[in-house]
Amino acid sequence: MQWGKNLVWLALCAGLSLAAAVEINTATEAELDSVNGIGPAMSSRILQERKAAAFIDWGDMMRRVSGVGQKKATQFSRQGLTVNGKSFTTTESREGAAHDAR
C-alpha cells in the first residue's frame, strides 16, 4: 500500500513541475523556449523588447511582441507563462485594445 501512495505522490509532483510558472520578465531564453509555441525567433523578440522595458501586463506584451495575439497568449498562459505573475485573461486583452484606442 505504501508503494502505491509513493507512486501517486511522485506522479503529482511530476505534474506540478510541468505546469511551473515561467515569468516573462525574468525568464531566460531556455525557459522561454520551454513553452510550447515559443521558439528561438519569438524568444529573441521577447528578450529584445524586455531589454527596452519590463512588460507591464499581457496587453503590453501583445502590443510589443509581434506574433502574439489573444490565441497565442491563451496558449502560453495555459502552459504556465505569466506576465508580472498573472495569467492571461480575455478581459485583459479587451482592456489593452481599449487603451490602444485612446
Protein backbone atom coordinates (compact mmCIF):
# COMPACT_ATOMS: atom_id res chain seq x y z
CA MET A 1 0.00 0.00 0.00
CA GLN A 2 2.82 2.46 0.83
CA TRP A 3 4.36 1.80 -2.60
CA GLY A 4 1.09 2.92 -4.24
CA LYS A 5 0.97 6.12 -2.19
CA ASN A 6 4.56 6.93 -3.14
CA LEU A 7 3.75 6.38 -6.80
CA VAL A 8 0.75 8.73 -6.60
CA TRP A 9 2.86 11.37 -4.82
CA LEU A 10 5.58 11.11 -7.48
CA ALA A 11 3.02 11.49 -10.27
CA LEU A 12 1.53 14.59 -8.62
CA CYS A 13 4.94 16.19 -8.19
CA ALA A 14 5.86 15.48 -11.80
CA GLY A 15 2.60 17.03 -12.98
CA LEU A 16 3.15 20.17 -10.94
CA SER A 17 6.64 20.65 -12.29
CA LEU A 18 5.34 20.53 -15.86
CA ALA A 19 2.95 23.39 -15.12
CA ALA A 20 5.54 25.51 -13.31
CA ALA A 21 5.19 29.21 -13.98
CA VAL A 22 7.58 30.94 -16.34
CA GLU A 23 7.64 34.68 -15.64
CA ILE A 24 8.25 36.54 -18.89
CA ASN A 25 10.06 39.42 -17.17
CA THR A 26 12.70 37.18 -15.58
CA ALA A 27 12.82 34.05 -17.75
CA THR A 28 15.97 33.01 -19.53
CA GLU A 29 15.97 32.21 -23.23
CA ALA A 30 15.94 28.49 -22.39
CA GLU A 31 12.96 28.93 -20.05
CA LEU A 32 11.04 30.83 -22.73
CA ASP A 33 11.91 28.16 -25.31
CA SER A 34 10.47 25.53 -22.96
CA VAL A 35 6.98 26.99 -23.52
CA ASN A 36 5.37 25.20 -26.46
CA GLY A 37 4.95 27.68 -29.30
CA ILE A 38 7.81 29.94 -28.27
CA GLY A 39 10.78 29.11 -30.42
CA PRO A 40 14.14 30.82 -30.84
CA ALA A 41 12.76 33.64 -33.01
CA MET A 42 9.94 34.56 -30.64
CA SER A 43 12.09 34.23 -27.51
CA SER A 44 14.58 36.57 -29.17
CA ARG A 45 11.80 39.13 -29.86
CA ILE A 46 10.59 38.83 -26.26
CA LEU A 47 14.07 39.32 -24.82
CA GLN A 48 14.75 42.27 -27.14
CA GLU A 49 11.55 44.03 -26.07
CA ARG A 50 12.20 43.21 -22.43
CA LYS A 51 15.59 44.96 -22.65
CA ALA A 52 13.77 48.18 -23.51
CA ALA A 53 11.40 47.83 -20.55
CA ALA A 54 9.72 45.14 -18.49
CA PHE A 55 6.29 44.07 -19.67
CA ILE A 56 3.53 45.72 -17.63
CA ASP A 57 0.78 43.23 -18.45
CA TRP A 58 -0.39 40.85 -21.16
CA GLY A 59 -1.78 43.70 -23.28
CA ASP A 60 1.60 45.43 -23.21
CA MET A 61 3.36 42.22 -24.16
CA MET A 62 0.96 41.51 -27.05
CA ARG A 63 1.41 45.06 -28.41
CA ARG A 64 5.21 44.87 -28.28
CA VAL A 65 5.92 41.28 -29.40
CA SER A 66 4.87 40.58 -32.96
CA GLY A 67 3.19 37.24 -33.47
CA VAL A 68 1.46 37.20 -30.08
CA GLY A 69 -2.28 37.78 -30.09
CA GLN A 70 -5.11 36.55 -27.93
CA LYS A 71 -4.90 32.95 -29.21
CA LYS A 72 -1.15 32.64 -28.55
CA ALA A 73 -1.43 34.43 -25.21
CA THR A 74 -4.10 31.96 -24.12
CA GLN A 75 -1.92 29.03 -25.26
CA PHE A 76 1.18 30.35 -23.48
CA SER A 77 -0.73 31.15 -20.29
CA ARG A 78 -2.21 27.65 -20.12
CA GLN A 79 1.35 26.33 -20.16
CA GLY A 80 2.36 28.50 -17.23
CA LEU A 81 3.68 31.70 -18.83
CA THR A 82 2.91 34.74 -16.70
CA VAL A 83 3.36 38.49 -17.04
CA ASN A 84 4.02 40.11 -13.67
CA GLY A 85 2.79 36.93 -12.02
CA LYS A 86 -0.57 36.95 -13.81
CA SER A 87 -2.10 34.52 -16.25
CA PHE A 88 -3.75 35.80 -19.41
CA THR A 89 -7.45 36.63 -19.40
CA THR A 90 -9.62 37.76 -22.30
CA THR A 91 -10.64 40.78 -20.19
CA GLU A 92 -7.04 41.94 -20.20
CA SER A 93 -6.98 41.64 -23.98
CA ARG A 94 -10.05 43.89 -24.29
CA GLU A 95 -8.55 46.40 -21.83
CA GLY A 96 -5.38 46.54 -23.93
CA ALA A 97 -7.43 47.18 -27.07
CA ALA A 98 -9.38 49.95 -25.32
CA HIS A 99 -6.12 51.53 -24.15
CA ASP A 100 -4.77 51.46 -27.74
CA ALA A 101 -7.93 53.20 -29.00
CA ARG A 102 -7.37 56.21 -26.69
